[in-house]
């Protein structure tokens, strides 16, 4: 009673994704969307840190 594909069949069915495909802008719950979500979250965190540093330097500088 074999109900599904074997591990070997699953491994062979996964095709590699090119870098251009990963960087494409796609909507929905896709791997590309998750990559862009991570990138934008990193940019937001860095901008927030930069703003905090600027505010702190002006307050301490006075």
Protein backbone atom coordinates (compact mmCIF):
# COMPACT_ATOMS: atom_id res chain seq x y z
CA UNK A 1 0.00 0.00 0.00
CA UNK A 2 2.21 2.76 -1.31
CA UNK A 3 0.27 6.02 -0.86
CA UNK A 4 2.78 8.59 -2.10
CA UNK A 5 6.08 9.32 -3.78
CA UNK A 6 9.29 8.01 -2.27
CA UNK A 7 12.01 10.23 -0.84
CA UNK A 8 14.07 9.82 -4.01
CA UNK A 9 11.14 10.89 -6.19
CA UNK A 10 10.51 13.94 -3.98
CA UNK A 11 14.18 14.93 -4.13
CA UNK A 12 14.25 14.69 -7.92
CA UNK A 13 11.02 16.66 -8.33
CA UNK A 14 12.45 19.84 -6.73
CA UNK A 15 13.97 22.06 -9.39
CA UNK A 16 16.67 24.60 -8.49
CA UNK A 17 15.62 28.25 -8.57
CA UNK A 18 17.73 30.84 -10.38
CA UNK A 19 18.89 34.05 -8.68
CA UNK A 20 16.76 36.09 -11.09
CA UNK A 21 13.69 34.10 -10.06
CA UNK A 22 14.42 34.62 -6.35
CA UNK A 23 14.80 38.39 -6.85
CA UNK A 24 11.62 38.77 -8.90
CA UNK A 25 8.80 40.77 -7.34
CA UNK A 26 5.85 38.38 -6.91
CA UNK A 27 2.71 38.83 -4.84
CA UNK A 28 1.27 36.31 -2.44
CA UNK A 29 2.85 33.77 -0.10
CA UNK A 30 5.83 32.81 -2.23
CA UNK A 31 9.50 32.26 -1.39
CA UNK A 32 10.26 35.48 -3.27
CA UNK A 33 7.86 37.43 -1.08
CA UNK A 34 9.52 36.04 2.04
CA UNK A 35 12.95 37.09 0.77
CA UNK A 36 11.73 40.64 0.07
CA UNK A 37 9.96 40.72 3.45
CA UNK A 38 13.25 39.91 5.16
CA UNK A 39 15.11 42.55 3.18
CA UNK A 40 12.57 45.25 3.96
CA UNK A 41 12.52 44.27 7.65
CA UNK A 42 16.31 44.64 7.75
CA UNK A 43 16.12 48.07 6.12
CA UNK A 44 13.45 49.14 8.64
CA UNK A 45 15.51 47.95 11.60
CA UNK A 46 18.62 49.73 10.34
CA UNK A 47 16.69 52.97 9.77
CA UNK A 48 15.16 52.75 13.24
CA UNK A 49 18.58 52.18 14.81
CA UNK A 50 20.00 55.13 12.86
CA UNK A 51 17.18 57.41 14.05
CA UNK A 52 17.69 56.32 17.67
CA UNK A 53 21.41 57.04 17.41
CA UNK A 54 20.73 60.49 15.94
CA UNK A 55 18.17 61.35 18.62
CA UNK A 56 20.48 60.13 21.39
CA UNK A 57 23.41 62.14 20.04
CA UNK A 58 21.33 65.36 20.01
CA UNK A 59 19.99 64.81 23.53
CA UNK A 60 23.36 63.88 25.04
CA UNK A 61 25.14 66.58 23.03
CA UNK A 62 23.10 69.40 24.66
